[in-house]
PDB file of all heavy atoms in Angstrom:
ATOM      1  N   ALA A   1     109.657 104.449  69.161  1.00  0.00           N
ATOM      2  CA  ALA A   1     109.897 105.209  67.922  1.00  0.00           C
ATOM      3  C   ALA A   1     111.123 106.082  68.189  1.00  0.00           C
ATOM      4  O   ALA A   1     111.288 106.609  69.318  1.00  0.00           O
ATOM      5  CB  ALA A   1     108.698 106.090  67.606  1.00  0.00           C
ATOM      6  N   SER A   2     111.989 106.186  67.206  1.00  0.00           N
ATOM      7  CA  SER A   2     113.137 107.060  67.401  1.00  0.00           C
ATOM      8  C   SER A   2     112.703 108.478  67.653  1.00  0.00           C
ATOM      9  O   SER A   2     111.646 108.905  67.233  1.00  0.00           O
ATOM     10  CB  SER A   2     114.049 106.969  66.153  1.00  0.00           C
ATOM     11  OG  SER A   2     113.348 107.421  64.996  1.00  0.00           O
ATOM     12  N   SER A   3     113.526 109.210  68.319  1.00  0.00           N
ATOM     13  CA  SER A   3     113.209 110.582  68.697  1.00  0.00           C
ATOM     14  C   SER A   3     113.227 111.506  67.441  1.00  0.00           C
ATOM     15  O   SER A   3     114.055 111.352  66.564  1.00  0.00           O
ATOM     16  CB  SER A   3     114.223 111.093  69.733  1.00  0.00           C
ATOM     17  OG  SER A   3     114.004 112.476  69.993  1.00  0.00           O
ATOM     18  N   GLN A   4     112.315 112.465  67.462  1.00  0.00           N
ATOM     19  CA  GLN A   4     112.346 113.465  66.416  1.00  0.00           C
ATOM     20  C   GLN A   4     113.511 114.447  66.609  1.00  0.00           C
ATOM     21  O   GLN A   4     113.912 115.084  65.663  1.00  0.00           O
ATOM     22  CB  GLN A   4     111.007 114.251  66.454  1.00  0.00           C
ATOM     23  CG  GLN A   4     109.808 113.450  66.096  1.00  0.00           C
ATOM     24  CD  GLN A   4     108.533 114.288  66.258  1.00  0.00           C
ATOM     25  OE1 GLN A   4     108.457 115.232  67.051  1.00  0.00           O
ATOM     26  NE2 GLN A   4     107.516 113.904  65.501  1.00  0.00           N
ATOM     27  N   ASN A   5     114.003 114.521  67.832  1.00  0.00           N
ATOM     28  CA  ASN A   5     115.115 115.444  68.090  1.00  0.00           C
ATOM     29  C   ASN A   5     115.976 114.812  69.203  1.00  0.00           C
ATOM     30  O   ASN A   5     115.654 114.857  70.372  1.00  0.00           O
ATOM     31  CB  ASN A   5     114.576 116.790  68.570  1.00  0.00           C
ATOM     32  CG  ASN A   5     115.683 117.817  68.791  1.00  0.00           C
ATOM     33  OD1 ASN A   5     116.825 117.449  69.024  1.00  0.00           O
ATOM     34  ND2 ASN A   5     115.319 119.075  68.740  1.00  0.00           N
ATOM     35  N   GLN A   6     117.094 114.222  68.793  1.00  0.00           N
ATOM     36  CA  GLN A   6     117.991 113.540  69.736  1.00  0.00           C
ATOM     37  C   GLN A   6     118.668 114.480  70.711  1.00  0.00           C
ATOM     38  O   GLN A   6     119.214 114.011  71.737  1.00  0.00           O
ATOM     39  CB  GLN A   6     119.077 112.791  68.941  1.00  0.00           C
ATOM     40  CG  GLN A   6     118.575 111.654  68.104  1.00  0.00           C
ATOM     41  CD  GLN A   6     118.267 110.422  68.966  1.00  0.00           C
ATOM     42  OE1 GLN A   6     118.989 110.117  69.924  1.00  0.00           O
ATOM     43  NE2 GLN A   6     117.212 109.721  68.615  1.00  0.00           N
ATOM     44  N   ASP A   7     118.616 115.775  70.470  1.00  0.00           N
ATOM     45  CA  ASP A   7     119.178 116.725  71.435  1.00  0.00           C
ATOM     46  C   ASP A   7     118.280 116.927  72.621  1.00  0.00           C
ATOM     47  O   ASP A   7     118.683 117.446  73.658  1.00  0.00           O
ATOM     48  CB  ASP A   7     119.459 118.078  70.756  1.00  0.00           C
ATOM     49  CG  ASP A   7     120.540 117.989  69.691  1.00  0.00           C
ATOM     50  OD1 ASP A   7     121.447 117.117  69.824  1.00  0.00           O
ATOM     51  OD2 ASP A   7     120.496 118.760  68.736  1.00  0.00           O
ATOM     52  N   ILE A   8     116.986 116.559  72.482  1.00  0.00           N
ATOM     53  CA  ILE A   8     115.998 116.744  73.564  1.00  0.00           C
ATOM     54  C   ILE A   8     115.545 115.434  74.158  1.00  0.00           C
ATOM     55  O   ILE A   8     115.492 115.289  75.370  1.00  0.00           O
ATOM     56  CB  ILE A   8     114.763 117.512  73.006  1.00  0.00           C
ATOM     57  CG1 ILE A   8     115.183 118.923  72.575  1.00  0.00           C
ATOM     58  CG2 ILE A   8     113.651 117.564  74.069  1.00  0.00           C
ATOM     59  CD1 ILE A   8     114.074 119.731  71.910  1.00  0.00           C
ATOM     60  N   LEU A   9     115.259 114.453  73.330  1.00  0.00           N
ATOM     61  CA  LEU A   9     114.681 113.186  73.798  1.00  0.00           C
ATOM     62  C   LEU A   9     115.461 111.995  73.209  1.00  0.00           C
ATOM     63  O   LEU A   9     115.749 111.988  71.991  1.00  0.00           O
ATOM     64  CB  LEU A   9     113.235 113.075  73.351  1.00  0.00           C
ATOM     65  CG  LEU A   9     112.479 111.788  73.659  1.00  0.00           C
ATOM     66  CD1 LEU A   9     112.256 111.634  75.136  1.00  0.00           C
ATOM     67  CD2 LEU A   9     111.166 111.755  72.894  1.00  0.00           C
ATOM     68  N   LYS A  10     115.761 111.040  74.066  1.00  0.00           N
ATOM     69  CA  LYS A  10     116.383 109.784  73.604  1.00  0.00           C
ATOM     70  C   LYS A  10     115.639 108.586  74.178  1.00  0.00           C
ATOM     71  O   LYS A  10     114.963 108.701  75.175  1.00  0.00           O
ATOM     72  CB  LYS A  10     117.877 109.746  74.080  1.00  0.00           C
ATOM     73  CG  LYS A  10     118.727 110.754  73.376  1.00  0.00           C
ATOM     74  CD  LYS A  10     120.180 110.558  73.686  1.00  0.00           C
ATOM     75  CE  LYS A  10     121.024 111.602  72.945  1.00  0.00           C
ATOM     76  NZ  LYS A  10     122.401 111.511  73.289  1.00  0.00           N
ATOM     77  N   VAL A  11     115.760 107.507  73.482  1.00  0.00           N
ATOM     78  CA  VAL A  11     115.224 106.243  73.931  1.00  0.00           C
ATOM     79  C   VAL A  11     116.045 105.776  75.181  1.00  0.00           C
ATOM     80  O   VAL A  11     117.248 105.899  75.149  1.00  0.00           O
ATOM     81  CB  VAL A  11     115.283 105.173  72.830  1.00  0.00           C
ATOM     82  CG1 VAL A  11     114.898 103.804  73.327  1.00  0.00           C
ATOM     83  CG2 VAL A  11     114.391 105.599  71.682  1.00  0.00           C
ATOM     84  N   PRO A  12     115.360 105.272  76.204  1.00  0.00           N
ATOM     85  CA  PRO A  12     116.138 104.839  77.367  1.00  0.00           C
ATOM     86  C   PRO A  12     117.045 103.643  77.003  1.00  0.00           C
ATOM     87  O   PRO A  12     116.791 102.903  76.073  1.00  0.00           O
ATOM     88  CB  PRO A  12     115.061 104.365  78.399  1.00  0.00           C
ATOM     89  CG  PRO A  12     113.805 104.312  77.636  1.00  0.00           C
ATOM     90  CD  PRO A  12     113.928 105.093  76.365  1.00  0.00           C
ATOM     91  N   LYS A  13     118.145 103.514  77.742  1.00  0.00           N
ATOM     92  CA  LYS A  13     119.065 102.397  77.533  1.00  0.00           C
ATOM     93  C   LYS A  13     118.389 101.085  77.900  1.00  0.00           C
ATOM     94  O   LYS A  13     117.511 101.028  78.743  1.00  0.00           O
ATOM     95  CB  LYS A  13     120.323 102.599  78.356  1.00  0.00           C
ATOM     96  CG  LYS A  13     121.134 103.825  77.931  1.00  0.00           C
ATOM     97  CD  LYS A  13     122.468 103.861  78.646  1.00  0.00           C
ATOM     98  CE  LYS A  13     123.232 105.116  78.309  1.00  0.00           C
ATOM     99  NZ  LYS A  13     123.600 105.272  76.942  1.00  0.00           N
ATOM    100  N   ARG A  14     118.824 100.024  77.224  1.00  0.00           N
ATOM    101  CA  ARG A  14     118.238  98.701  77.427  1.00  0.00           C
ATOM    102  C   ARG A  14     118.275  98.317  78.917  1.00  0.00           C
ATOM    103  O   ARG A  14     117.298  97.806  79.446  1.00  0.00           O
ATOM    104  CB  ARG A  14     118.990  97.653  76.586  1.00  0.00           C
ATOM    105  CG  ARG A  14     118.536  96.233  76.847  1.00  0.00           C
ATOM    106  CD  ARG A  14     119.238  95.239  75.975  1.00  0.00           C
ATOM    107  NE  ARG A  14     118.883  95.361  74.577  1.00  0.00           N
ATOM    108  CZ  ARG A  14     117.807  94.862  74.007  1.00  0.00           C
ATOM    109  NH1 ARG A  14     116.974  94.150  74.737  1.00  0.00           N
ATOM    110  NH2 ARG A  14     117.571  95.053  72.735  1.00  0.00           N
ATOM    111  N   ALA A  15     119.404  98.558  79.570  1.00  0.00           N
ATOM    112  CA  ALA A  15     119.528  98.182  80.984  1.00  0.00           C
ATOM    113  C   ALA A  15     118.507  98.903  81.853  1.00  0.00           C
ATOM    114  O   ALA A  15     117.939  98.308  82.792  1.00  0.00           O
ATOM    115  CB  ALA A  15     120.917  98.452  81.489  1.00  0.00           C
ATOM    116  N   ALA A  16     118.217 100.174  81.550  1.00  0.00           N
ATOM    117  CA  ALA A  16     117.227 100.925  82.297  1.00  0.00           C
ATOM    118  C   ALA A  16     115.807 100.378  82.056  1.00  0.00           C
ATOM    119  O   ALA A  16     115.019 100.297  82.975  1.00  0.00           O
ATOM    120  CB  ALA A  16     117.295 102.407  81.913  1.00  0.00           C
ATOM    121  N   VAL A  17     115.510  99.990  80.811  1.00  0.00           N
ATOM    122  CA  VAL A  17     114.186  99.410  80.489  1.00  0.00           C
ATOM    123  C   VAL A  17     114.034  98.065  81.249  1.00  0.00           C
ATOM    124  O   VAL A  17     113.018  97.830  81.883  1.00  0.00           O
ATOM    125  CB  VAL A  17     114.021  99.212  78.984  1.00  0.00           C
ATOM    126  CG1 VAL A  17     112.717  98.470  78.666  1.00  0.00           C
ATOM    127  CG2 VAL A  17     114.054 100.549  78.243  1.00  0.00           C
ATOM    128  N   GLU A  18     115.057  97.252  81.194  1.00  0.00           N
ATOM    129  CA  GLU A  18     115.001  95.941  81.871  1.00  0.00           C
ATOM    130  C   GLU A  18     114.845  96.149  83.370  1.00  0.00           C
ATOM    131  O   GLU A  18     114.096  95.402  84.005  1.00  0.00           O
ATOM    132  CB  GLU A  18     116.241  95.135  81.526  1.00  0.00           C
ATOM    133  CG  GLU A  18     116.277  94.676  80.103  1.00  0.00           C
ATOM    134  CD  GLU A  18     117.576  93.973  79.691  1.00  0.00           C
ATOM    135  OE1 GLU A  18     118.547  93.943  80.483  1.00  0.00           O
ATOM    136  OE2 GLU A  18     117.624  93.459  78.542  1.00  0.00           O
ATOM    137  N   SER A  19     115.532  97.098  83.942  1.00  0.00           N
ATOM    138  CA  SER A  19     115.406  97.387  85.346  1.00  0.00           C
ATOM    139  C   SER A  19     113.988  97.814  85.743  1.00  0.00           C
ATOM    140  O   SER A  19     113.422  97.349  86.721  1.00  0.00           O
ATOM    141  CB  SER A  19     116.418  98.440  85.776  1.00  0.00           C
ATOM    142  OG  SER A  19     116.277  98.772  87.129  1.00  0.00           O
ATOM    143  N   ALA A  20     113.390  98.705  84.914  1.00  0.00           N
ATOM    144  CA  ALA A  20     112.036  99.198  85.183  1.00  0.00           C
ATOM    145  C   ALA A  20     111.054  97.997  85.120  1.00  0.00           C
ATOM    146  O   ALA A  20     110.112  97.927  85.913  1.00  0.00           O
ATOM    147  CB  ALA A  20     111.626 100.239  84.169  1.00  0.00           C
ATOM    148  N   ILE A  21     111.243  97.078  84.183  1.00  0.00           N
ATOM    149  CA  ILE A  21     110.370  95.924  84.065  1.00  0.00           C
ATOM    150  C   ILE A  21     110.568  94.996  85.267  1.00  0.00           C
ATOM    151  O   ILE A  21     109.606  94.541  85.856  1.00  0.00           O
ATOM    152  CB  ILE A  21     110.649  95.206  82.760  1.00  0.00           C
ATOM    153  CG1 ILE A  21     110.199  96.074  81.577  1.00  0.00           C
ATOM    154  CG2 ILE A  21     109.974  93.820  82.709  1.00  0.00           C
ATOM    155  CD1 ILE A  21     110.742  95.674  80.238  1.00  0.00           C
ATOM    156  N   ARG A  22     111.807  94.753  85.647  1.00  0.00           N
ATOM    157  CA  ARG A  22     112.042  93.857  86.812  1.00  0.00           C
ATOM    158  C   ARG A  22     111.440  94.411  88.111  1.00  0.00           C
ATOM    159  O   ARG A  22     110.927  93.694  88.935  1.00  0.00           O
ATOM    160  CB  ARG A  22     113.538  93.619  86.990  1.00  0.00           C
ATOM    161  CG  ARG A  22     114.113  92.583  86.067  1.00  0.00           C
ATOM    162  CD  ARG A  22     115.525  92.181  86.523  1.00  0.00           C
ATOM    163  NE  ARG A  22     116.174  91.547  85.396  1.00  0.00           N
ATOM    164  CZ  ARG A  22     117.082  92.091  84.629  1.00  0.00           C
ATOM    165  NH1 ARG A  22     117.447  93.348  84.808  1.00  0.00           N
ATOM    166  NH2 ARG A  22     117.612  91.394  83.647  1.00  0.00           N
ATOM    167  N   GLU A  23     111.585  95.745  88.266  1.00  0.00           N
ATOM    168  CA  GLU A  23     111.063  96.417  89.469  1.00  0.00           C
ATOM    169  C   GLU A  23     109.552  96.178  89.664  1.00  0.00           C
ATOM    170  O   GLU A  23     109.057  96.177  90.800  1.00  0.00           O
ATOM    171  CB  GLU A  23     111.302  97.940  89.408  1.00  0.00           C
ATOM    172  CG  GLU A  23     112.713  98.343  89.554  1.00  0.00           C
ATOM    173  CD  GLU A  23     112.921  99.822  89.234  1.00  0.00           C
ATOM    174  OE1 GLU A  23     111.924 100.577  89.149  1.00  0.00           O
ATOM    175  OE2 GLU A  23     114.055 100.223  89.042  1.00  0.00           O
ATOM    176  N   THR A  24     108.849  96.081  88.530  1.00  0.00           N
ATOM    177  CA  THR A  24     107.381  96.064  88.636  1.00  0.00           C
ATOM    178  C   THR A  24     106.799  94.716  88.189  1.00  0.00           C
ATOM    179  O   THR A  24     105.584  94.566  88.160  1.00  0.00           O
ATOM    180  CB  THR A  24     106.787  97.167  87.754  1.00  0.00           C
ATOM    181  OG1 THR A  24     107.271  97.031  86.401  1.00  0.00           O
ATOM    182  CG2 THR A  24     107.147  98.561  88.285  1.00  0.00           C
ATOM    183  N   ASN A  25     107.637  93.739  87.855  1.00  0.00           N
ATOM    184  CA  ASN A  25     107.129  92.470  87.384  1.00  0.00           C
ATOM    185  C   ASN A  25     106.703  91.633  88.598  1.00  0.00           C
ATOM    186  O   ASN A  25     107.492  91.446  89.511  1.00  0.00           O
ATOM    187  CB  ASN A  25     108.185  91.751  86.581  1.00  0.00           C
ATOM    188  CG  ASN A  25     107.618  90.732  85.647  1.00  0.00           C
ATOM    189  OD1 ASN A  25     106.508  90.280  85.824  1.00  0.00           O
ATOM    190  ND2 ASN A  25     108.361  90.386  84.602  1.00  0.00           N
ATOM    191  N   LEU A  26     105.523  91.069  88.521  1.00  0.00           N
ATOM    192  CA  LEU A  26     105.044  90.190  89.630  1.00  0.00           C
ATOM    193  C   LEU A  26     105.794  88.849  89.664  1.00  0.00           C
ATOM    194  O   LEU A  26     105.947  88.279  90.715  1.00  0.00           O
ATOM    195  CB  LEU A  26     103.537  89.945  89.476  1.00  0.00           C
ATOM    196  CG  LEU A  26     102.672  91.194  89.561  1.00  0.00           C
ATOM    197  CD1 LEU A  26     101.206  90.828  89.272  1.00  0.00           C
ATOM    198  CD2 LEU A  26     102.803  91.794  90.966  1.00  0.00           C
ATOM    199  N   ASP A  27     106.264  88.391  88.517  1.00  0.00           N
ATOM    200  CA  ASP A  27     106.951  87.099  88.479  1.00  0.00           C
ATOM    201  C   ASP A  27     108.453  87.385  88.165  1.00  0.00           C
ATOM    202  O   ASP A  27     108.797  87.750  87.091  1.00  0.00           O
ATOM    203  CB  ASP A  27     106.393  86.263  87.324  1.00  0.00           C
ATOM    204  CG  ASP A  27     107.091  84.919  87.159  1.00  0.00           C
ATOM    205  OD1 ASP A  27     108.035  84.618  87.901  1.00  0.00           O
ATOM    206  OD2 ASP A  27     106.689  84.185  86.270  1.00  0.00           O
ATOM    207  N   PRO A  28     109.316  87.160  89.188  1.00  0.00           N
ATOM    208  CA  PRO A  28     110.724  87.456  89.041  1.00  0.00           C
ATOM    209  C   PRO A  28     111.388  86.526  87.989  1.00  0.00           C
ATOM    210  O   PRO A  28     112.507  86.850  87.506  1.00  0.00           O
ATOM    211  CB  PRO A  28     111.346  87.250  90.401  1.00  0.00           C
ATOM    212  CG  PRO A  28     110.363  86.372  91.109  1.00  0.00           C
ATOM    213  CD  PRO A  28     109.024  86.634  90.524  1.00  0.00           C
ATOM    214  N   ASN A  29     110.775  85.418  87.629  1.00  0.00           N
ATOM    215  CA  ASN A  29     111.364  84.509  86.669  1.00  0.00           C
ATOM    216  C   ASN A  29     110.836  84.734  85.245  1.00  0.00           C
ATOM    217  O   ASN A  29     111.207  84.021  84.308  1.00  0.00           O
ATOM    218  CB  ASN A  29     111.036  83.053  87.062  1.00  0.00           C
ATOM    219  CG  ASN A  29     111.657  82.733  88.386  1.00  0.00           C
ATOM    220  OD1 ASN A  29     112.812  83.104  88.657  1.00  0.00           O
ATOM    221  ND2 ASN A  29     110.925  82.054  89.243  1.00  0.00           N
ATOM    222  N   ALA A  30     109.969  85.710  85.053  1.00  0.00           N
ATOM    223  CA  ALA A  30     109.418  86.022  83.753  1.00  0.00           C
ATOM    224  C   ALA A  30     110.541  86.486  82.820  1.00  0.00           C
ATOM    225  O   ALA A  30     111.419  87.221  83.217  1.00  0.00           O
ATOM    226  CB  ALA A  30     108.337  87.076  83.799  1.00  0.00           C
ATOM    227  N   PRO A  31     110.524  86.035  81.573  1.00  0.00           N
ATOM    228  CA  PRO A  31     111.548  86.467  80.615  1.00  0.00           C
ATOM    229  C   PRO A  31     111.393  87.960  80.325  1.00  0.00           C
ATOM    230  O   PRO A  31     110.319  88.508  80.350  1.00  0.00           O
ATOM    231  CB  PRO A  31     111.279  85.637  79.362  1.00  0.00           C
ATOM    232  CG  PRO A  31     109.847  85.220  79.487  1.00  0.00           C
ATOM    233  CD  PRO A  31     109.544  85.159  80.961  1.00  0.00           C
ATOM    234  N   LEU A  32     112.506  88.596  79.999  1.00  0.00           N
ATOM    235  CA  LEU A  32     112.487  89.996  79.642  1.00  0.00           C
ATOM    236  C   LEU A  32     111.994  90.127  78.186  1.00  0.00           C
ATOM    237  O   LEU A  32     112.237  89.252  77.373  1.00  0.00           O
ATOM    238  CB  LEU A  32     113.897  90.602  79.771  1.00  0.00           C
ATOM    239  CG  LEU A  32     114.368  90.767  81.202  1.00  0.00           C
ATOM    240  CD1 LEU A  32     115.859  91.116  81.236  1.00  0.00           C
ATOM    241  CD2 LEU A  32     113.569  91.804  81.931  1.00  0.00           C
ATOM    242  N   PRO A  33     111.276  91.202  77.913  1.00  0.00           N
ATOM    243  CA  PRO A  33     110.747  91.390  76.561  1.00  0.00           C
ATOM    244  C   PRO A  33     111.810  91.781  75.555  1.00  0.00           C
ATOM    245  O   PRO A  33     112.858  92.290  75.913  1.00  0.00           O
ATOM    246  CB  PRO A  33     109.708  92.477  76.736  1.00  0.00           C
ATOM    247  CG  PRO A  33     110.276  93.300  77.861  1.00  0.00           C
ATOM    248  CD  PRO A  33     110.922  92.296  78.798  1.00  0.00           C
ATOM    249  N   ALA A  34     111.470  91.595  74.274  1.00  0.00           N
ATOM    250  CA  ALA A  34     112.295  92.159  73.206  1.00  0.00           C
ATOM    251  C   ALA A  34     112.142  93.660  73.215  1.00  0.00           C
ATOM    252  O   ALA A  34     111.079  94.146  73.515  1.00  0.00           O
ATOM    253  CB  ALA A  34     111.855  91.541  71.868  1.00  0.00           C
ATOM    254  N   ILE A  35     113.197  94.369  72.886  1.00  0.00           N
ATOM    255  CA  ILE A  35     113.165  95.845  72.884  1.00  0.00           C
ATOM    256  C   ILE A  35     113.694  96.293  71.522  1.00  0.00           C
ATOM    257  O   ILE A  35     114.785  95.922  71.114  1.00  0.00           O
ATOM    258  CB  ILE A  35     114.014  96.417  74.021  1.00  0.00           C
ATOM    259  CG1 ILE A  35     113.534  95.926  75.360  1.00  0.00           C
ATOM    260  CG2 ILE A  35     114.035  97.913  73.942  1.00  0.00           C
ATOM    261  CD1 ILE A  35     114.451  96.197  76.527  1.00  0.00           C
ATOM    262  N   ASP A  36     112.879  97.072  70.836  1.00  0.00           N
ATOM    263  CA  ASP A  36     113.200  97.558  69.496  1.00  0.00           C
ATOM    264  C   ASP A  36     113.065  99.037  69.385  1.00  0.00           C
ATOM    265  O   ASP A  36     112.309  99.677  70.114  1.00  0.00           O
ATOM    266  CB  ASP A  36     112.294  96.951  68.416  1.00  0.00           C
ATOM    267  CG  ASP A  36     112.504  95.484  68.267  1.00  0.00           C
ATOM    268  OD1 ASP A  36     113.628  95.002  68.319  1.00  0.00           O
ATOM    269  OD2 ASP A  36     111.491  94.768  68.069  1.00  0.00           O
ATOM    270  N   ILE A  37     113.826  99.639  68.453  1.00  0.00           N
ATOM    271  CA  ILE A  37     113.672 101.045  68.117  1.00  0.00           C
ATOM    272  C   ILE A  37     113.398 101.122  66.609  1.00  0.00           C
ATOM    273  O   ILE A  37     114.100 100.496  65.825  1.00  0.00           O
ATOM    274  CB  ILE A  37     114.967 101.844  68.412  1.00  0.00           C
ATOM    275  CG1 ILE A  37     115.329 101.730  69.878  1.00  0.00           C
ATOM    276  CG2 ILE A  37     114.799 103.294  68.006  1.00  0.00           C
ATOM    277  CD1 ILE A  37     116.726 102.266  70.235  1.00  0.00           C
ATOM    278  N   VAL A  38     112.280 101.804  66.239  1.00  0.00           N
ATOM    279  CA  VAL A  38     111.965 102.000  64.826  1.00  0.00           C
ATOM    280  C   VAL A  38     111.908 103.433  64.506  1.00  0.00           C
ATOM    281  O   VAL A  38     111.713 104.290  65.409  1.00  0.00           O
ATOM    282  CB  VAL A  38     110.606 101.287  64.488  1.00  0.00           C
ATOM    283  CG1 VAL A  38     110.691  99.821  64.710  1.00  0.00           C
ATOM    284  CG2 VAL A  38     109.469 101.914  65.229  1.00  0.00           C
ATOM    285  N   LYS A  39     112.045 103.778  63.254  1.00  0.00           N
ATOM    286  CA  LYS A  39     111.916 105.167  62.868  1.00  0.00           C
ATOM    287  C   LYS A  39     110.500 105.644  63.088  1.00  0.00           C
ATOM    288  O   LYS A  39     109.570 104.912  62.921  1.00  0.00           O
ATOM    289  CB  LYS A  39     112.315 105.361  61.379  1.00  0.00           C
ATOM    290  CG  LYS A  39     113.776 105.136  61.163  1.00  0.00           C
ATOM    291  CD  LYS A  39     114.245 105.646  59.833  1.00  0.00           C
ATOM    292  CE  LYS A  39     115.700 105.381  59.691  1.00  0.00           C
ATOM    293  NZ  LYS A  39     116.396 106.515  59.339  1.00  0.00           N
ATOM    294  N   GLN A  40     110.351 106.876  63.477  1.00  0.00           N
ATOM    295  CA  GLN A  40     109.061 107.472  63.820  1.00  0.00           C
ATOM    296  C   GLN A  40     108.014 107.233  62.753  1.00  0.00           C
ATOM    297  O   GLN A  40     106.881 106.810  63.053  1.00  0.00           O
ATOM    298  CB  GLN A  40     109.200 108.959  64.100  1.00  0.00           C
ATOM    299  CG  GLN A  40     107.991 109.665  64.545  1.00  0.00           C
ATOM    300  CD  GLN A  40     107.702 109.486  66.021  1.00  0.00           C
ATOM    301  OE1 GLN A  40     108.471 108.935  66.760  1.00  0.00           O
ATOM    302  NE2 GLN A  40     106.582 109.954  66.439  1.00  0.00           N
ATOM    303  N   ASN A  41     108.328 107.448  61.483  1.00  0.00           N
ATOM    304  CA  ASN A  41     107.339 107.281  60.425  1.00  0.00           C
ATOM    305  C   ASN A  41     107.002 105.860  60.153  1.00  0.00           C
ATOM    306  O   ASN A  41     105.982 105.535  59.568  1.00  0.00           O
ATOM    307  CB  ASN A  41     107.737 108.024  59.140  1.00  0.00           C
ATOM    308  CG  ASN A  41     109.100 107.546  58.629  1.00  0.00           C
ATOM    309  OD1 ASN A  41     109.749 106.758  59.284  1.00  0.00           O
ATOM    310  ND2 ASN A  41     109.502 108.053  57.476  1.00  0.00           N
ATOM    311  N   LEU A  42     107.819 104.914  60.593  1.00  0.00           N
ATOM    312  CA  LEU A  42     107.527 103.483  60.416  1.00  0.00           C
ATOM    313  C   LEU A  42     106.640 102.938  61.495  1.00  0.00           C
ATOM    314  O   LEU A  42     105.995 101.914  61.349  1.00  0.00           O
ATOM    315  CB  LEU A  42     108.827 102.653  60.384  1.00  0.00           C
ATOM    316  CG  LEU A  42     109.721 102.874  59.177  1.00  0.00           C
ATOM    317  CD1 LEU A  42     110.971 102.031  59.301  1.00  0.00           C
ATOM    318  CD2 LEU A  42     109.023 102.521  57.889  1.00  0.00           C
ATOM    319  N   MET A  43     106.521 103.660  62.626  1.00  0.00           N
ATOM    320  CA  MET A  43     105.707 103.203  63.769  1.00  0.00           C
ATOM    321  C   MET A  43     104.252 103.036  63.324  1.00  0.00           C
ATOM    322  O   MET A  43     103.619 102.056  63.624  1.00  0.00           O
ATOM    323  CB  MET A  43     105.805 104.164  64.930  1.00  0.00           C
ATOM    324  CG  MET A  43     105.021 103.716  66.118  1.00  0.00           C
ATOM    325  SD  MET A  43     105.478 102.164  66.858  1.00  0.00           S
ATOM    326  CE  MET A  43     106.781 102.685  67.876  1.00  0.00           C
TER     327      MET A  43
END
């Protein structure tokens, strides 16, 4: 969900999310997930 206040909280960058997933994924060949950002009230 998009941040309520971009001056305090932001969504992590795609590369950082992908890195966190690769670090902890048991299967190194597993495809990376889709990553989306939606408005808070749409969540």
